[in-house]
Amino acid sequence: GTTMLQTMIADFQQHFWLYVSIPFMSGLIGYITKVVAIQMMFSPLEFKGIKPFLGWQGIVPRKAEKMATIAVELMTAKLIKPEEIFARLDPKRIAKEIEKPLLAAAEDITRDVAQEYQPGLWEGMPEFARQRLIRRVQSKAPEIVEHIMSEVQRDVDRYFDIKHLVISNLLKDKRLLNNIFKRVGKQEFKFFSNVGFVFGFGIGVIQMLCWIVTQGKYPWMLPLFGGFVGFFSDWIALQMMFRPLYPKKILGYTWQGLFIKRQNEVAADYAALISKQLLTSRHMMEELFSGTHSARVIDLVNRHVKQEIDMQAGVIRPLVVYAIGGEKYQNMKSQVAERIMQQLPETMKYVESYAEDAMNIRSTLIERMQKLTPSEFEGMLRPAFKEDEWALIAVGAVLGFVVGELQIQFML
């Protein structure tokens, strides 16, 4: 027996560096497989390769719609209600903030609406009368804006579709969607890669001992071990990110899923991103005037402007009555909408800082997110993995196997 041991020791001394390299190689496998897995989650943004199977598109961008829907479900169910955000805005104050651009818009809109709505009347009007009508609508404009805002506040869901806002913006800009998951999970991704090294190294040590004991008789052990490292370390790292949900004492040490543990910090990151790039007052106004329910909002604007024209035109009206056809009316609606949309970016500049302060989306998100239960909170990042966890783990295993094959060439 002693001779056997002596041969082993001699062999080990003779090939010392070769043996010592095994755990390091193995650690490297662990690390690289994780870095690749994370890359595969986010890129490329669009499918690269030959469809359907030869190629890849990042998991998050590929599932953009589903991910966006999950994000919005969480937001609207648990974090923030549109009614509540709109309720914080003061219609009077908004009307006041946008007075300047409002006057320009009011003139355009009055001309459009009057020309379409009472064409003969408008053309037959002397210029001073037109000006008077325009000034009249302008003087009423702040009031009209106030009315419109109040009506929207009274029935937010009728005029404003937060789901459409979030999903359409995230689909338009998949990078933003990636950023949400990257920002929310940045520590976790770092941990994921480092853990890969640690596990790989540990398994490499066992690998090295086996190799010494068997004198390298079974080279197939290396790719097998490599595949196992890739597979097992991916699986365990994912577990450690999300489990246990609630702090658990094991061997005198308190464990909790890493992501879950960072809830407060994540909340701040997430809220900053969402309030700066997604739920901005500009996006909200765009949703109002060109989103799902924009026709209703434009109707609201038209109704108010037409009331004013009617009141002014009352005197001359009996002389010239033009019926306005359905199609014309439709065109007018879309014209008014276009006018408003053209003016909107300008107009919103005036409101933006007030609206951001008043709606206070950031603090609301932080506060609510910090109150989520661990399992609700897990739902924020986990869907990004859940969908394709198996793919990440499989990639880990395959990469590990391949590197193991390379190791054989190196060892023999």
Protein backbone atom coordinates (compact mmCIF):
# COMPACT_ATOMS: atom_id res chain seq x y z
CA GLY A 1 0.00 0.00 0.00
CA THR A 2 2.80 2.40 0.92
CA THR A 3 4.33 2.16 -2.55
CA MET A 4 1.03 3.17 -4.09
CA LEU A 5 0.89 6.26 -1.88
CA GLN A 6 4.52 7.08 -2.61
CA THR A 7 3.95 6.85 -6.34
CA MET A 8 1.00 9.20 -5.95
CA ILE A 9 3.00 11.72 -3.97
CA ALA A 10 5.90 11.50 -6.41
CA ASP A 11 3.50 11.92 -9.30
CA PHE A 12 1.92 14.93 -7.59
CA GLN A 13 5.31 16.56 -6.96
CA GLN A 14 6.44 15.90 -10.46
CA HIS A 15 3.32 17.42 -12.05
CA PHE A 16 2.63 19.87 -9.24
CA TRP A 17 1.60 22.86 -11.40
CA LEU A 18 -0.52 20.76 -13.66
CA TYR A 19 -2.54 19.44 -10.72
CA VAL A 20 -2.85 22.78 -9.01
CA SER A 21 -4.20 24.23 -12.24
CA ILE A 22 -7.26 21.93 -12.11
CA PRO A 23 -9.24 23.77 -9.42
CA PHE A 24 -8.36 27.13 -10.95
CA MET A 25 -9.49 25.98 -14.39
CA SER A 26 -12.63 24.62 -12.84
CA GLY A 27 -13.26 27.90 -11.01
CA LEU A 28 -12.80 29.73 -14.27
CA ILE A 29 -15.36 27.45 -15.91
CA GLY A 30 -17.79 28.30 -13.14
CA TYR A 31 -17.16 32.00 -13.54
CA ILE A 32 -17.32 32.14 -17.34
CA THR A 33 -20.49 30.06 -17.55
CA LYS A 34 -22.20 32.57 -15.27
CA VAL A 35 -21.02 35.63 -17.17
CA VAL A 36 -22.22 34.09 -20.41
CA ALA A 37 -25.55 33.12 -18.87
CA ILE A 38 -26.16 36.70 -17.72
CA GLN A 39 -25.23 38.09 -21.13
CA MET A 40 -27.67 35.66 -22.70
CA MET A 41 -30.45 37.04 -20.58
CA PHE A 42 -30.15 40.53 -21.98
CA SER A 43 -28.57 40.42 -25.38
CA PRO A 44 -28.87 40.59 -28.25
CA LEU A 45 -31.88 42.92 -28.21
CA GLU A 46 -33.13 41.49 -31.52
CA PHE A 47 -32.82 37.91 -32.77
CA LYS A 48 -29.39 37.22 -34.29
CA GLY A 49 -28.81 34.14 -36.39
CA ILE A 50 -30.99 31.93 -38.54
CA LYS A 51 -34.55 31.54 -37.31
CA PRO A 52 -36.06 29.64 -35.62
CA PHE A 53 -33.36 27.72 -33.75
CA LEU A 54 -29.91 28.72 -34.93
CA GLY A 55 -29.34 31.89 -33.03
CA TRP A 56 -30.36 33.75 -29.93
CA GLN A 57 -32.19 36.76 -28.68
CA GLY A 58 -31.79 37.87 -25.07
CA ILE A 59 -34.41 36.26 -22.84
CA VAL A 60 -35.70 39.58 -21.53
CA PRO A 61 -36.04 41.31 -24.93
CA ARG A 62 -37.51 38.15 -26.42
CA LYS A 63 -40.14 37.99 -23.73
CA ALA A 64 -40.47 41.78 -23.74
CA GLU A 65 -44.23 41.80 -23.81
CA LYS A 66 -44.61 39.25 -21.08
CA MET A 67 -41.97 40.93 -18.91
CA ALA A 68 -43.55 44.33 -19.44
CA THR A 69 -46.94 42.92 -18.57
CA ILE A 70 -45.57 41.38 -15.39
CA ALA A 71 -43.93 44.68 -14.48
CA VAL A 72 -47.17 46.57 -15.01
CA GLU A 73 -49.31 44.03 -13.16
CA LEU A 74 -47.05 44.38 -10.17
CA MET A 75 -47.03 48.15 -10.43
CA THR A 76 -50.77 48.60 -10.70
CA ALA A 77 -51.78 45.84 -8.32
CA LYS A 78 -49.35 46.57 -5.54
CA LEU A 79 -47.52 49.82 -6.00
CA ILE A 80 -49.32 52.67 -7.63
CA LYS A 81 -52.82 53.49 -8.81
CA PRO A 82 -53.34 56.01 -11.63
CA GLU A 83 -56.33 57.56 -9.80
CA GLU A 84 -54.10 58.27 -6.89
CA ILE A 85 -51.37 59.91 -8.99
CA PHE A 86 -53.81 62.09 -10.90
CA ALA A 87 -55.62 63.06 -7.73
CA ARG A 88 -52.41 64.76 -6.59
CA LEU A 89 -52.49 67.19 -9.49
CA ASP A 90 -54.28 70.48 -9.08
CA PRO A 91 -56.17 71.32 -12.32
CA LYS A 92 -56.06 75.07 -11.57
CA ARG A 93 -52.35 74.97 -11.08
CA ILE A 94 -51.81 73.01 -14.30
CA ALA A 95 -53.91 75.48 -16.28
CA LYS A 96 -51.82 78.25 -14.80
CA GLU A 97 -48.52 76.53 -15.56
CA ILE A 98 -49.33 76.08 -19.25
CA GLU A 99 -50.91 79.45 -19.89
CA LYS A 100 -48.35 80.62 -22.47
CA PRO A 101 -48.37 77.69 -24.89
CA LEU A 102 -52.06 77.24 -24.16
CA LEU A 103 -52.91 80.59 -25.73
CA ALA A 104 -51.12 79.69 -28.97
CA ALA A 105 -52.80 76.29 -29.05
CA ALA A 106 -56.17 77.84 -28.29
CA GLU A 107 -55.94 80.10 -31.33
CA ASP A 108 -55.08 77.20 -33.64
CA ILE A 109 -57.73 74.96 -32.21
CA THR A 110 -60.42 77.64 -32.40
CA ARG A 111 -59.68 78.34 -36.06
CA ASP A 112 -59.72 74.63 -36.87
CA VAL A 113 -62.83 73.81 -34.97
CA ALA A 114 -64.74 76.88 -36.16
CA GLN A 115 -63.80 76.35 -39.79
CA GLU A 116 -64.84 72.73 -39.69
CA TYR A 117 -67.80 73.09 -37.37
CA GLN A 118 -69.36 76.25 -38.83
CA PRO A 119 -67.54 76.70 -42.15
CA GLY A 120 -69.83 79.26 -43.79
CA LEU A 121 -70.09 81.16 -40.56
CA TRP A 122 -66.35 81.44 -40.05
CA GLU A 123 -65.71 82.59 -43.61
CA GLY A 124 -68.52 85.12 -43.44
CA MET A 125 -67.20 86.61 -40.21
CA PRO A 126 -65.27 89.85 -40.38
CA GLU A 127 -61.71 89.57 -39.08
CA PHE A 128 -62.45 91.55 -35.88
CA ALA A 129 -65.24 89.11 -35.05
CA ARG A 130 -62.92 86.15 -35.59
CA GLN A 131 -60.32 87.75 -33.36
CA ARG A 132 -62.97 88.34 -30.74
CA LEU A 133 -64.00 84.67 -30.88
CA ILE A 134 -60.38 83.57 -30.62
CA ARG A 135 -59.75 85.87 -27.66
CA ARG A 136 -62.91 84.60 -26.06
CA VAL A 137 -61.74 80.98 -26.31
CA GLN A 138 -58.27 82.02 -25.14
CA SER A 139 -59.66 83.72 -22.09
CA LYS A 140 -61.67 80.62 -21.39
CA ALA A 141 -58.76 78.27 -22.16
CA PRO A 142 -57.43 77.90 -18.61
CA GLU A 143 -60.95 77.16 -17.45
CA ILE A 144 -61.38 74.59 -20.22
CA VAL A 145 -58.11 72.90 -19.25
CA GLU A 146 -59.23 72.86 -15.66
CA HIS A 147 -62.53 71.25 -16.60
CA ILE A 148 -60.84 68.66 -18.73
CA MET A 149 -58.35 67.80 -15.99
CA SER A 150 -61.12 67.53 -13.42
CA GLU A 151 -63.11 65.25 -15.65
CA VAL A 152 -60.08 63.05 -16.23
CA GLN A 153 -59.48 62.93 -12.47
CA ARG A 154 -63.06 61.94 -11.82
CA ASP A 155 -62.78 58.91 -14.04
CA VAL A 156 -59.11 58.19 -14.62
CA ASP A 157 -59.56 54.71 -16.04
CA ARG A 158 -61.90 56.00 -18.70
CA TYR A 159 -59.28 58.36 -20.09
CA PHE A 160 -55.94 56.95 -19.08
CA ASP A 161 -54.57 53.46 -19.64
CA ILE A 162 -51.49 52.97 -17.50
CA LYS A 163 -50.95 49.42 -18.75
CA HIS A 164 -50.80 50.59 -22.32
CA LEU A 165 -48.43 53.38 -21.33
CA VAL A 166 -45.97 51.07 -19.60
CA ILE A 167 -46.12 48.18 -22.05
CA SER A 168 -45.92 50.29 -25.21
CA ASN A 169 -42.97 52.29 -23.89
CA LEU A 170 -41.10 49.19 -22.77
CA LEU A 171 -41.70 47.45 -26.10
CA LYS A 172 -40.60 50.56 -27.97
CA ASP A 173 -37.41 50.66 -25.97
CA LYS A 174 -36.29 47.17 -25.01
CA ARG A 175 -33.11 48.67 -23.62
CA LEU A 176 -35.19 50.31 -20.92
CA LEU A 177 -36.71 46.95 -20.07
CA ASN A 178 -33.23 45.43 -19.83
CA ASN A 179 -32.14 48.31 -17.65
CA ILE A 180 -34.95 47.70 -15.21
CA PHE A 181 -33.89 44.10 -14.66
CA LYS A 182 -30.17 44.92 -14.74
CA ARG A 183 -30.51 47.79 -12.32
CA VAL A 184 -32.78 45.85 -10.01
CA GLY A 185 -30.50 42.82 -10.06
CA LYS A 186 -27.05 44.35 -10.34
CA GLN A 187 -25.67 42.94 -7.07
CA GLU A 188 -27.23 39.57 -7.76
CA PHE A 189 -25.58 39.29 -11.16
CA LYS A 190 -22.20 40.07 -9.64
CA PHE A 191 -22.77 37.47 -6.95
CA PHE A 192 -23.94 34.98 -9.56
CA SER A 193 -20.61 35.20 -11.41
CA ASN A 194 -18.45 35.09 -8.28
CA VAL A 195 -20.31 32.14 -6.86
CA GLY A 196 -19.56 30.39 -10.12
CA PHE A 197 -15.86 30.69 -9.38
CA VAL A 198 -16.15 29.50 -5.77
CA PHE A 199 -18.21 26.44 -6.65
CA GLY A 200 -16.05 25.65 -9.61
CA PHE A 201 -12.93 25.84 -7.47
CA GLY A 202 -14.41 23.56 -4.81
CA ILE A 203 -15.43 20.93 -7.31
CA GLY A 204 -12.04 21.33 -8.99
CA VAL A 205 -10.30 20.31 -5.78
CA ILE A 206 -12.30 17.08 -5.70
CA GLN A 207 -11.54 16.63 -9.39
CA MET A 208 -7.83 17.00 -8.70
CA LEU A 209 -7.89 14.41 -5.91
CA CYS A 210 -9.75 11.94 -8.13
CA TRP A 211 -7.23 12.48 -10.91
CA ILE A 212 -4.32 11.82 -8.55
CA VAL A 213 -5.95 8.71 -7.09
CA THR A 214 -6.86 7.23 -10.47
CA GLN A 215 -3.57 8.35 -12.05
CA GLY A 216 -5.52 9.95 -14.87
CA LYS A 217 -6.85 6.56 -16.05
CA TYR A 218 -10.31 7.96 -16.63
CA PRO A 219 -9.90 11.20 -18.54
CA TRP A 220 -13.67 11.33 -19.26
CA MET A 221 -14.07 12.41 -15.65
CA LEU A 222 -12.99 15.95 -16.55
CA PRO A 223 -15.75 16.90 -19.00
CA LEU A 224 -18.22 15.12 -16.73
CA PHE A 225 -17.10 17.16 -13.75
CA GLY A 226 -17.07 20.30 -15.92
CA GLY A 227 -20.64 19.73 -16.99
CA PHE A 228 -21.63 19.08 -13.41
CA VAL A 229 -19.93 22.28 -12.21
CA GLY A 230 -21.73 24.30 -14.85
CA PHE A 231 -25.07 22.74 -14.07
CA PHE A 232 -24.89 22.64 -10.30
CA SER A 233 -23.40 26.06 -9.76
CA ASP A 234 -26.03 27.71 -11.99
CA TRP A 235 -28.78 25.95 -10.14
CA ILE A 236 -27.48 26.69 -6.67
CA ALA A 237 -26.70 30.33 -7.47
CA LEU A 238 -30.28 30.88 -8.65
CA GLN A 239 -31.53 29.24 -5.48
CA MET A 240 -29.34 31.45 -3.30
CA MET A 241 -30.63 34.59 -4.97
CA PHE A 242 -34.24 33.90 -4.09
CA ARG A 243 -34.21 31.37 -1.25
CA PRO A 244 -34.99 31.27 1.58
CA LEU A 245 -37.64 33.95 1.22
CA TYR A 246 -37.70 34.57 4.95
CA PRO A 247 -34.55 34.75 7.09
CA LYS A 248 -33.61 31.26 8.34
CA LYS A 249 -30.98 30.32 10.88
CA ILE A 250 -28.76 27.52 9.62
CA LEU A 251 -25.62 26.56 11.55
CA GLY A 252 -25.87 29.75 13.57
CA TYR A 253 -25.81 31.87 10.44
CA THR A 254 -28.94 33.69 9.22
CA TRP A 255 -29.63 33.01 5.55
CA GLN A 256 -32.01 34.77 3.23
CA GLY A 257 -32.23 35.02 -0.55
CA LEU A 258 -29.74 37.71 -1.57
CA PHE A 259 -32.15 39.61 -3.74
CA ILE A 260 -34.87 39.43 -1.11
CA LYS A 261 -32.48 40.74 1.52
CA ARG A 262 -31.76 43.86 -0.53
CA GLN A 263 -35.39 44.87 -0.81
CA ASN A 264 -34.96 48.43 0.46
CA GLU A 265 -31.98 49.17 -1.73
CA VAL A 266 -33.63 47.66 -4.81
CA ALA A 267 -36.77 49.68 -4.14
CA ALA A 268 -34.78 52.91 -4.37
CA ASP A 269 -33.07 51.89 -7.63
CA TYR A 270 -36.26 50.72 -9.23
CA ALA A 271 -38.25 53.78 -8.23
CA ALA A 272 -35.57 56.10 -9.58
CA LEU A 273 -35.57 54.35 -12.93
CA ILE A 274 -39.35 54.10 -13.30
CA SER A 275 -40.05 57.68 -12.28
CA LYS A 276 -37.27 59.16 -14.42
CA GLN A 277 -37.82 57.12 -17.57
CA LEU A 278 -41.19 55.48 -17.60
CA LEU A 279 -43.94 57.10 -15.54
CA THR A 280 -42.94 60.62 -16.52
CA SER A 281 -45.49 63.41 -16.80
CA ARG A 282 -44.65 63.65 -20.50
CA HIS A 283 -45.38 59.97 -21.13
CA MET A 284 -48.61 60.35 -19.20
CA MET A 285 -49.77 63.28 -21.29
CA GLU A 286 -48.81 61.42 -24.45
CA GLU A 287 -50.90 58.50 -23.27
CA LEU A 288 -53.82 60.83 -22.61
CA PHE A 289 -53.70 62.51 -26.03
CA SER A 290 -52.56 59.68 -28.26
CA GLY A 291 -52.99 56.47 -26.27
CA THR A 292 -55.74 53.89 -25.96
CA HIS A 293 -58.50 56.24 -24.84
CA SER A 294 -57.26 59.40 -26.55
CA ALA A 295 -60.44 59.72 -28.64
CA ARG A 296 -62.37 60.29 -25.43
CA VAL A 297 -59.93 62.95 -24.27
CA ILE A 298 -60.03 64.76 -27.62
CA ASP A 299 -63.83 64.58 -27.51
CA LEU A 300 -63.66 66.30 -24.18
CA VAL A 301 -61.51 69.10 -25.63
CA ASN A 302 -63.77 69.48 -28.66
CA ARG A 303 -66.89 69.58 -26.58
CA HIS A 304 -65.60 72.48 -24.51
CA VAL A 305 -64.28 74.47 -27.46
CA LYS A 306 -67.50 73.96 -29.41
CA GLN A 307 -69.56 75.21 -26.50
CA GLU A 308 -67.63 78.46 -26.60
CA ILE A 309 -68.03 78.81 -30.37
CA ASP A 310 -71.73 78.10 -30.07
CA MET A 311 -72.16 80.81 -27.47
CA GLN A 312 -70.29 83.33 -29.62
CA ALA A 313 -71.81 82.33 -32.91
CA GLY A 314 -75.34 82.43 -31.61
CA VAL A 315 -76.03 85.84 -33.17
CA ILE A 316 -75.06 85.05 -36.75
CA ARG A 317 -75.98 81.43 -36.71
CA PRO A 318 -79.56 81.55 -38.03
CA LEU A 319 -78.24 83.21 -41.19
CA VAL A 320 -75.78 80.47 -42.10
CA VAL A 321 -76.39 76.96 -40.95
CA TYR A 322 -74.13 74.32 -42.34
CA ALA A 323 -74.58 70.71 -41.40
CA ILE A 324 -71.25 69.09 -40.82
CA GLY A 325 -70.79 65.60 -42.24
CA GLY A 326 -69.65 62.67 -40.12
CA GLU A 327 -66.39 62.25 -41.98
CA LYS A 328 -65.55 65.92 -41.66
CA TYR A 329 -66.19 65.73 -37.97
CA GLN A 330 -63.85 62.74 -37.67
CA ASN A 331 -61.13 64.64 -39.54
CA MET A 332 -61.59 67.58 -37.28
CA LYS A 333 -61.15 65.40 -34.27
CA SER A 334 -57.91 64.00 -35.52
CA GLN A 335 -56.74 67.50 -36.47
CA VAL A 336 -57.36 68.80 -32.99
CA ALA A 337 -55.55 65.79 -31.60
CA GLU A 338 -52.61 66.45 -33.87
CA ARG A 339 -52.53 70.11 -32.91
CA ILE A 340 -52.52 69.21 -29.25
CA MET A 341 -49.81 66.58 -29.75
CA GLN A 342 -47.66 69.12 -31.65
CA GLN A 343 -48.04 71.62 -28.85
CA LEU A 344 -47.68 69.03 -26.14
CA PRO A 345 -43.90 68.71 -25.74
CA GLU A 346 -43.69 72.49 -25.57
CA THR A 347 -46.58 72.70 -23.16
CA MET A 348 -45.32 69.87 -20.98
CA LYS A 349 -42.01 71.61 -20.40
CA TYR A 350 -43.96 74.11 -18.36
CA VAL A 351 -45.80 71.50 -16.34
CA GLU A 352 -43.13 68.89 -15.95
CA SER A 353 -41.39 69.97 -12.80
CA TYR A 354 -44.65 70.80 -11.06
CA ALA A 355 -46.21 67.48 -12.11
CA GLU A 356 -43.19 65.40 -11.08
CA ASP A 357 -43.20 67.03 -7.65
CA ALA A 358 -46.93 66.76 -7.19
CA MET A 359 -47.32 63.18 -8.38
CA ASN A 360 -44.33 62.19 -6.31
CA ILE A 361 -44.12 58.85 -8.02
CA ARG A 362 -40.64 58.09 -6.83
CA SER A 363 -41.29 58.21 -3.10
CA THR A 364 -44.61 56.45 -3.50
CA LEU A 365 -42.90 53.57 -5.31
CA ILE A 366 -40.08 53.33 -2.78
CA GLU A 367 -42.40 53.31 0.18
CA ARG A 368 -44.77 50.70 -1.28
CA MET A 369 -42.00 48.49 -2.57
CA GLN A 370 -40.36 48.35 0.79
CA LYS A 371 -43.63 47.05 2.18
CA LEU A 372 -44.03 44.18 -0.33
CA THR A 373 -43.90 40.69 1.14
CA PRO A 374 -40.83 38.65 0.14
CA SER A 375 -42.79 36.55 -2.33
CA GLU A 376 -44.38 39.60 -3.98
CA PHE A 377 -40.95 41.15 -4.13
CA GLU A 378 -39.44 38.03 -5.68
CA GLY A 379 -41.93 38.50 -8.51
CA MET A 380 -40.04 41.59 -9.63
CA LEU A 381 -36.86 39.93 -10.80
CA ARG A 382 -37.63 36.25 -10.82
CA PRO A 383 -39.83 36.30 -13.94
CA ALA A 384 -36.74 37.32 -15.86
CA PHE A 385 -35.12 34.05 -14.80
CA LYS A 386 -38.17 31.84 -14.33
CA GLU A 387 -39.04 31.70 -18.00
CA ASP A 388 -35.71 30.31 -19.04
CA GLU A 389 -33.98 29.17 -15.90
CA TRP A 390 -33.61 25.75 -17.52
CA ALA A 391 -31.88 27.32 -20.53
CA LEU A 392 -29.38 29.14 -18.31
CA ILE A 393 -28.64 25.96 -16.39
CA ALA A 394 -28.30 23.90 -19.56
CA VAL A 395 -25.92 26.43 -21.08
CA GLY A 396 -23.89 26.23 -17.88
CA ALA A 397 -23.69 22.46 -18.16
CA VAL A 398 -22.74 22.43 -21.84
CA LEU A 399 -20.07 25.09 -21.42
CA GLY A 400 -18.66 23.23 -18.44
CA PHE A 401 -18.52 20.00 -20.44
CA VAL A 402 -16.71 21.67 -23.33
CA VAL A 403 -14.11 23.24 -21.06
CA GLY A 404 -13.60 19.84 -19.42
CA GLU A 405 -12.88 18.36 -22.85
CA LEU A 406 -10.27 21.06 -23.39
CA GLN A 407 -8.76 20.23 -20.00
CA ILE A 408 -8.18 16.63 -21.12
CA GLN A 409 -6.10 17.82 -24.08
CA PHE A 410 -4.18 19.95 -21.62
CA MET A 411 -3.60 17.18 -19.03
CA LEU A 412 -2.59 14.33 -21.31
